[in-house]
Amino acid sequence: MENRGMGIGSCRVGMRTILCACLAVVLFMPAVVLSAEPPVLATLQKTNTPMTLMAVQFKDAKLGWAVGSGGALFSTTDGGKKWKKQTSGTSALLTGVYFIDQKTGWVTGAAGTLRQSVNGGESWTGRPLETQQPLYGIHFPSATDGWVVGGGGTILHTADGGAHWAEQASGTSAALYAVQFLDAQRGTAVGALGTVLATRDGGRTWMPQVSQGAVTLFDVYFTDESTGWAVGNAGALFQTNDGGAKWVDRTLPCGKTCTKVIDLLKVRFTSPQEGWIVGERGMMYRTTDAGYSWSDGTPIAPVSLFGLTFSDAAHGWASGENGTVVHLQAGK
């Protein structure tokens, strides 16, 4: 794939997920404004792989990793100008990657796959688990505390940096696709059938939160203890301003060039004001006003995008089908 830059005014989103397909009823509430935003430079980077890259993470503007189908694992030390193939030690579909620091990281995947590296991804060791459920989302709010979520309502927790993992009772059998913790006590997980779970005691108890409809939610991101966002299929976008007790439907409209509402797969905010969403058909949305308005733009890639990460407010990366990695540089 040729390396090329695309100047865009913003973009649009949706998803043909390989994790789960779930029909949803999306309730329309307050209208979301679609608007022009400052320009974004989107540059396709070469990975030289046909594999789907399900997740990507950067620790800084230079050091990053991407994982995907067939145990695919790649790393870069120059911001993605060159991607190096690494050996994950598994052929399982890898769906999540999280590095605590430049050396210690984890990948999650199909059939209970959970592997750790302590040398920047050069080698990996599997962690034996009782579950064989597919594992999707992973988050470490500190070097010691970490959580993994997956199929069948699976939630796993470590309190010793991953040496031991214990299952927590989620109270649901719905697949959970993403988890985020603000600290060792406060966390949120989302998944199929509109599932939103919250804990305020480190996962000892998980409480279902009120969401709207049975839309599948693929990702969640909180900018602080009160304000959070969740995205899902058929353009689903939900916002909370009270820590998750109530979620408001902010589902994105189809927009000028839209022919079919697409699935939204990943959401990230680089500040309370600036947020990004990527998804199906290579679409991207951006907000610079805390989600009051979202851009209506063009695709940043010719394929669906599953992963999204930012090293700072100016530099981000999205990953997806056919080994696609897109470097995002935000204009002001």
Protein backbone atom coordinates (compact mmCIF):
# COMPACT_ATOMS: atom_id res chain seq x y z
CA MET A 1 0.00 0.00 0.00
CA GLU A 2 1.44 3.37 -0.96
CA ASN A 3 2.10 5.92 1.78
CA ARG A 4 -0.12 8.91 1.10
CA GLY A 5 -1.54 11.89 2.92
CA MET A 6 -5.11 13.06 2.78
CA GLY A 7 -6.18 16.48 3.97
CA ILE A 8 -9.68 16.19 5.35
CA GLY A 9 -12.11 18.46 7.09
CA SER A 10 -13.44 15.55 9.25
CA CYS A 11 -15.19 12.26 8.69
CA ARG A 12 -17.88 9.60 9.29
CA VAL A 13 -18.28 6.16 10.78
CA GLY A 14 -19.79 2.60 11.18
CA MET A 15 -18.84 -1.17 11.34
CA ARG A 16 -18.87 -4.66 9.95
CA THR A 17 -17.52 -6.20 13.14
CA ILE A 18 -15.85 -9.57 13.28
CA LEU A 19 -16.49 -9.69 17.01
CA CYS A 20 -20.27 -9.80 17.04
CA ALA A 21 -23.31 -8.89 15.02
CA CYS A 22 -26.34 -7.70 16.86
CA LEU A 23 -29.43 -5.97 15.54
CA ALA A 24 -30.28 -2.88 17.52
CA VAL A 25 -33.08 -0.48 18.14
CA VAL A 26 -31.61 3.01 18.40
CA LEU A 27 -33.74 5.60 20.14
CA PHE A 28 -33.38 9.08 18.69
CA MET A 29 -33.21 11.92 21.19
CA PRO A 30 -31.38 15.27 21.10
CA ALA A 31 -30.19 16.12 17.60
CA VAL A 32 -26.44 16.02 17.06
CA VAL A 33 -24.96 18.86 15.02
CA LEU A 34 -22.62 17.87 12.18
CA SER A 35 -20.10 20.57 11.38
CA ALA A 36 -16.80 21.40 9.73
CA GLU A 37 -13.74 21.15 11.98
CA PRO A 38 -10.05 22.12 11.76
CA PRO A 39 -8.21 19.99 9.17
CA VAL A 40 -6.74 16.57 9.90
CA LEU A 41 -3.85 15.02 7.97
CA ALA A 42 -4.46 11.27 7.60
CA THR A 43 -1.47 9.30 6.31
CA LEU A 44 -1.60 5.59 5.46
CA GLN A 45 1.39 3.69 6.85
CA LYS A 46 2.89 0.46 5.47
CA THR A 47 2.77 -2.69 7.58
CA ASN A 48 3.14 -5.14 4.67
CA THR A 49 0.54 -7.53 6.03
CA PRO A 50 -2.93 -8.54 4.80
CA MET A 51 -4.04 -9.27 8.37
CA THR A 52 -6.77 -7.26 10.05
CA LEU A 53 -5.26 -5.15 12.83
CA MET A 54 -7.87 -5.07 15.59
CA ALA A 55 -6.05 -2.84 18.08
CA VAL A 56 -3.23 -0.32 18.23
CA GLN A 57 -1.48 1.46 21.11
CA PHE A 58 1.24 4.12 21.29
CA LYS A 59 3.10 4.98 24.49
CA ASP A 60 4.53 8.17 22.95
CA ALA A 61 4.87 9.73 19.51
CA LYS A 62 7.43 7.10 18.46
CA LEU A 63 6.76 3.78 20.23
CA GLY A 64 3.70 1.73 19.32
CA TRP A 65 2.23 -1.73 18.75
CA ALA A 66 -0.59 -3.17 16.62
CA VAL A 67 -2.20 -6.63 16.88
CA GLY A 68 -4.74 -8.61 14.91
CA SER A 69 -5.82 -11.76 13.11
CA GLY A 70 -3.64 -14.87 13.01
CA GLY A 71 -1.65 -13.68 16.03
CA ALA A 72 -0.37 -10.71 14.04
CA LEU A 73 1.87 -8.40 16.07
CA PHE A 74 3.80 -5.36 14.85
CA SER A 75 5.82 -2.66 16.57
CA THR A 76 7.34 0.67 15.59
CA THR A 77 9.95 2.95 17.15
CA ASP A 78 9.59 5.84 14.70
CA GLY A 79 5.92 6.75 14.85
CA GLY A 80 4.90 4.19 12.27
CA LYS A 81 7.20 5.14 9.40
CA LYS A 82 8.45 1.57 9.67
CA TRP A 83 6.56 -1.31 11.27
CA LYS A 84 8.47 -4.39 12.44
CA LYS A 85 6.84 -7.81 12.64
CA GLN A 86 7.14 -9.45 16.06
CA THR A 87 6.30 -12.99 17.16
CA SER A 88 3.31 -13.19 19.49
CA GLY A 89 3.63 -16.92 20.08
CA THR A 90 0.03 -17.61 19.08
CA SER A 91 -2.06 -17.89 15.95
CA ALA A 92 -5.20 -16.76 17.76
CA LEU A 93 -7.07 -13.64 16.74
CA LEU A 94 -5.65 -10.84 18.92
CA THR A 95 -8.18 -8.16 19.77
CA GLY A 96 -6.49 -6.00 22.40
CA VAL A 97 -3.05 -4.62 23.28
CA TYR A 98 -2.02 -2.63 26.33
CA PHE A 99 1.51 -1.65 27.38
CA ILE A 100 1.93 -0.36 30.92
CA ASP A 101 5.34 1.08 30.05
CA GLN A 102 7.88 0.73 27.24
CA LYS A 103 8.70 -2.86 28.19
CA THR A 104 5.70 -4.47 29.90
CA GLY A 105 2.62 -5.18 27.83
CA TRP A 106 -0.33 -7.49 27.32
CA VAL A 107 -2.36 -8.83 24.40
CA THR A 108 -5.83 -10.39 24.55
CA GLY A 109 -7.56 -12.63 22.06
CA ALA A 110 -9.70 -15.59 21.10
CA ALA A 111 -10.16 -18.71 23.25
CA GLY A 112 -8.99 -17.11 26.50
CA THR A 113 -5.74 -15.78 25.03
CA LEU A 114 -3.85 -13.54 27.44
CA ARG A 115 -0.11 -13.06 26.87
CA GLN A 116 2.50 -10.85 28.50
CA SER A 117 5.77 -9.33 27.31
CA VAL A 118 8.44 -7.80 29.54
CA ASN A 119 10.84 -6.80 26.76
CA GLY A 120 8.84 -4.49 24.54
CA GLY A 121 7.14 -7.26 22.60
CA GLU A 122 10.22 -9.21 21.51
CA SER A 123 8.90 -12.32 23.30
CA TRP A 124 5.61 -13.27 24.92
CA THR A 125 4.47 -15.65 27.67
CA GLY A 126 0.95 -17.04 27.91
CA ARG A 127 -1.00 -16.70 31.15
CA PRO A 128 -3.10 -19.81 31.92
CA LEU A 129 -6.72 -18.96 32.59
CA GLU A 130 -9.74 -21.03 33.50
CA THR A 131 -11.89 -19.32 30.88
CA GLN A 132 -11.87 -20.13 27.18
CA GLN A 133 -14.09 -17.19 26.35
CA PRO A 134 -12.76 -14.73 23.77
CA LEU A 135 -11.11 -11.78 25.50
CA TYR A 136 -11.54 -8.30 24.03
CA GLY A 137 -10.91 -5.16 26.08
CA ILE A 138 -8.00 -4.59 28.45
CA HIS A 139 -7.03 -1.65 30.67
CA PHE A 140 -4.46 -1.03 33.40
CA PRO A 141 -5.05 2.17 35.41
CA SER A 142 -1.78 1.42 37.24
CA ALA A 143 1.18 -0.93 37.01
CA THR A 144 -0.46 -3.36 39.45
CA ASP A 145 -4.21 -3.21 38.78
CA GLY A 146 -5.61 -4.40 35.46
CA TRP A 147 -8.89 -5.62 33.98
CA VAL A 148 -9.80 -7.74 30.95
CA VAL A 149 -13.33 -8.27 29.59
CA GLY A 150 -14.71 -10.76 27.09
CA GLY A 151 -17.42 -13.14 25.98
CA GLY A 152 -20.11 -14.47 28.30
CA GLY A 153 -19.83 -11.48 30.63
CA THR A 154 -16.23 -12.35 31.51
CA ILE A 155 -14.36 -9.87 33.70
CA LEU A 156 -10.84 -10.70 34.91
CA HIS A 157 -8.82 -8.68 37.43
CA THR A 158 -5.21 -8.64 38.56
CA ALA A 159 -3.93 -6.78 41.61
CA ASP A 160 -0.28 -7.83 41.27
CA GLY A 161 0.71 -6.68 37.80
CA GLY A 162 -0.63 -9.76 36.05
CA ALA A 163 1.04 -12.51 38.06
CA HIS A 164 -2.41 -13.75 39.06
CA TRP A 165 -5.83 -13.17 37.51
CA ALA A 166 -9.21 -13.73 39.17
CA GLU A 167 -12.67 -13.67 37.63
CA GLN A 168 -15.13 -11.09 38.92
CA ALA A 169 -18.91 -11.55 38.89
CA SER A 170 -20.37 -9.32 36.19
CA GLY A 171 -23.98 -10.40 36.63
CA THR A 172 -24.45 -10.73 32.87
CA SER A 173 -23.87 -13.29 30.13
CA ALA A 174 -23.62 -10.60 27.45
CA ALA A 175 -20.31 -10.25 25.63
CA LEU A 176 -18.26 -7.34 26.98
CA TYR A 177 -16.08 -5.55 24.43
CA ALA A 178 -14.41 -2.69 26.30
CA VAL A 179 -13.42 -1.62 29.80
CA GLN A 180 -11.95 1.56 31.25
CA PHE A 181 -10.88 2.43 34.79
CA LEU A 182 -10.23 5.95 36.04
CA ASP A 183 -8.37 4.52 39.04
CA ALA A 184 -8.22 1.25 40.99
CA GLN A 185 -11.82 1.65 42.18
CA ARG A 186 -13.92 3.30 39.45
CA GLY A 187 -14.50 1.51 36.16
CA THR A 188 -17.00 0.96 33.34
CA ALA A 189 -17.50 -1.95 30.92
CA VAL A 190 -19.76 -2.08 27.85
CA GLY A 191 -20.94 -4.77 25.47
CA ALA A 192 -23.77 -6.50 23.65
CA LEU A 193 -27.48 -5.82 24.17
CA GLY A 194 -26.87 -2.29 25.43
CA THR A 195 -24.91 -3.58 28.42
CA VAL A 196 -23.24 -0.93 30.58
CA LEU A 197 -21.71 -2.02 33.90
CA ALA A 198 -20.10 0.22 36.51
CA THR A 199 -18.08 -0.45 39.64
CA ARG A 200 -16.98 1.86 42.42
CA ASP A 201 -15.17 -0.74 44.51
CA GLY A 202 -12.56 -2.18 42.19
CA GLY A 203 -14.90 -4.72 40.65
CA ARG A 204 -16.03 -6.47 43.80
CA THR A 205 -19.51 -5.46 42.65
CA TRP A 206 -20.58 -4.51 39.13
CA MET A 207 -23.88 -2.68 38.75
CA PRO A 208 -25.91 -2.44 35.50
CA GLN A 209 -26.45 1.13 34.31
CA VAL A 210 -29.45 2.44 32.40
CA SER A 211 -28.77 2.59 28.66
CA GLN A 212 -31.24 3.06 25.83
CA GLY A 213 -32.18 0.17 23.55
CA ALA A 214 -30.38 -3.08 22.81
CA VAL A 215 -27.64 -1.61 20.63
CA THR A 216 -24.29 -3.39 20.81
CA LEU A 217 -21.69 -1.11 22.41
CA PHE A 218 -18.11 -1.61 21.25
CA ASP A 219 -16.19 0.99 23.23
CA VAL A 220 -16.35 3.38 26.18
CA TYR A 221 -14.21 6.34 27.21
CA PHE A 222 -14.46 8.71 30.19
CA THR A 223 -12.67 12.06 30.21
CA ASP A 224 -13.25 12.46 33.96
CA GLU A 225 -15.33 10.89 36.73
CA SER A 226 -18.53 12.43 35.36
CA THR A 227 -18.29 12.65 31.57
CA GLY A 228 -18.14 9.55 29.39
CA TRP A 229 -18.96 8.32 25.89
CA ALA A 230 -19.97 4.94 24.47
CA VAL A 231 -20.18 3.97 20.78
CA GLY A 232 -21.81 1.07 18.97
CA ASN A 233 -23.52 -0.29 15.91
CA ALA A 234 -25.75 1.72 13.55
CA GLY A 235 -24.15 5.03 14.51
CA ALA A 236 -24.92 4.61 18.21
CA LEU A 237 -23.38 7.29 20.41
CA PHE A 238 -24.26 7.76 24.08
CA GLN A 239 -23.06 10.36 26.57
CA THR A 240 -23.19 10.55 30.36
CA ASN A 241 -22.56 13.57 32.56
CA ASP A 242 -23.20 11.87 35.90
CA GLY A 243 -20.64 9.08 35.95
CA GLY A 244 -22.81 6.61 34.06
CA ALA A 245 -26.01 6.64 36.11
CA LYS A 246 -27.86 7.98 33.07
CA TRP A 247 -26.86 7.83 29.39
CA VAL A 248 -28.26 10.24 26.79
CA ASP A 249 -28.75 9.10 23.20
CA ARG A 250 -26.53 11.19 20.90
CA THR A 251 -26.74 8.83 17.92
CA LEU A 252 -25.13 10.42 14.87
CA PRO A 253 -27.31 11.25 11.87
CA CYS A 254 -26.48 10.04 8.40
CA GLY A 255 -24.92 13.26 7.11
CA LYS A 256 -24.49 14.69 3.61
CA THR A 257 -22.60 11.86 1.88
CA CYS A 258 -24.02 8.99 3.94
CA THR A 259 -25.95 6.19 2.22
CA LYS A 260 -26.09 3.82 5.21
CA VAL A 261 -25.52 4.45 8.90
CA ILE A 262 -22.31 2.73 9.91
CA ASP A 263 -21.07 1.08 13.09
CA LEU A 264 -18.88 3.15 15.40
CA LEU A 265 -16.05 1.05 16.80
CA LYS A 266 -13.65 3.15 18.88
CA VAL A 267 -13.89 6.45 20.73
CA ARG A 268 -11.08 8.47 22.31
CA PHE A 269 -10.80 11.97 23.77
CA THR A 270 -7.48 13.80 23.96
CA SER A 271 -8.99 16.53 26.15
CA PRO A 272 -12.42 17.31 27.59
CA GLN A 273 -13.12 19.25 24.38
CA GLU A 274 -11.56 17.16 21.62
CA GLY A 275 -12.77 13.66 20.77
CA TRP A 276 -12.45 11.16 17.93
CA ILE A 277 -14.48 8.20 16.67
CA VAL A 278 -13.55 5.66 13.98
CA GLY A 279 -15.42 2.74 12.52
CA GLU A 280 -16.82 0.93 9.55
CA ARG A 281 -15.75 1.85 6.00
CA GLY A 282 -12.79 3.85 7.26
CA MET A 283 -14.94 6.67 8.59
CA MET A 284 -13.98 9.15 11.28
CA TYR A 285 -15.82 11.76 13.34
CA ARG A 286 -14.17 14.53 15.34
CA THR A 287 -15.45 17.01 17.91
CA THR A 288 -13.67 20.08 19.27
CA ASP A 289 -16.52 21.30 21.48
CA ALA A 290 -16.96 18.44 23.96
CA GLY A 291 -19.34 16.53 21.72
CA TYR A 292 -21.91 19.24 21.08
CA SER A 293 -21.12 18.96 17.37
CA TRP A 294 -19.33 16.26 15.39
CA SER A 295 -17.73 16.62 11.99
CA ASP A 296 -19.32 15.23 8.88
CA GLY A 297 -16.44 14.31 6.60
CA THR A 298 -14.89 11.68 4.39
CA PRO A 299 -13.24 8.28 4.92
CA ILE A 300 -9.64 8.26 6.11
CA ALA A 301 -9.07 4.69 4.84
CA PRO A 302 -10.68 2.34 2.29
CA VAL A 303 -11.41 -0.29 4.98
CA SER A 304 -13.10 -0.58 8.37
CA LEU A 305 -11.10 0.71 11.33
CA PHE A 306 -11.18 -1.16 14.65
CA GLY A 307 -8.36 0.41 16.70
CA LEU A 308 -7.67 3.99 17.82
CA THR A 309 -4.96 5.47 20.04
CA PHE A 310 -3.39 8.86 20.75
CA SER A 311 0.05 9.64 22.15
CA ASP A 312 -0.89 13.31 22.61
CA ALA A 313 -3.44 15.81 21.32
CA ALA A 314 -1.70 16.16 17.95
CA HIS A 315 -0.83 12.56 17.05
CA GLY A 316 -3.09 9.52 16.73
CA TRP A 317 -3.23 6.18 14.94
CA ALA A 318 -6.12 4.05 13.71
CA SER A 319 -5.85 0.40 12.63
CA GLY A 320 -8.05 -1.91 10.60
CA GLU A 321 -8.52 -4.37 7.79
CA ASN A 322 -5.79 -5.39 5.32
CA GLY A 323 -2.99 -4.34 7.66
CA THR A 324 -4.15 -0.74 7.59
CA VAL A 325 -2.62 1.81 9.96
CA VAL A 326 -3.50 5.49 9.56
CA HIS A 327 -1.47 8.24 11.24
CA LEU A 328 -3.67 11.18 12.29
CA GLN A 329 -2.20 14.66 12.74
CA ALA A 330 -4.67 17.16 14.12
CA GLY A 331 -4.85 20.71 12.82
CA LYS A 332 -5.82 23.66 14.94
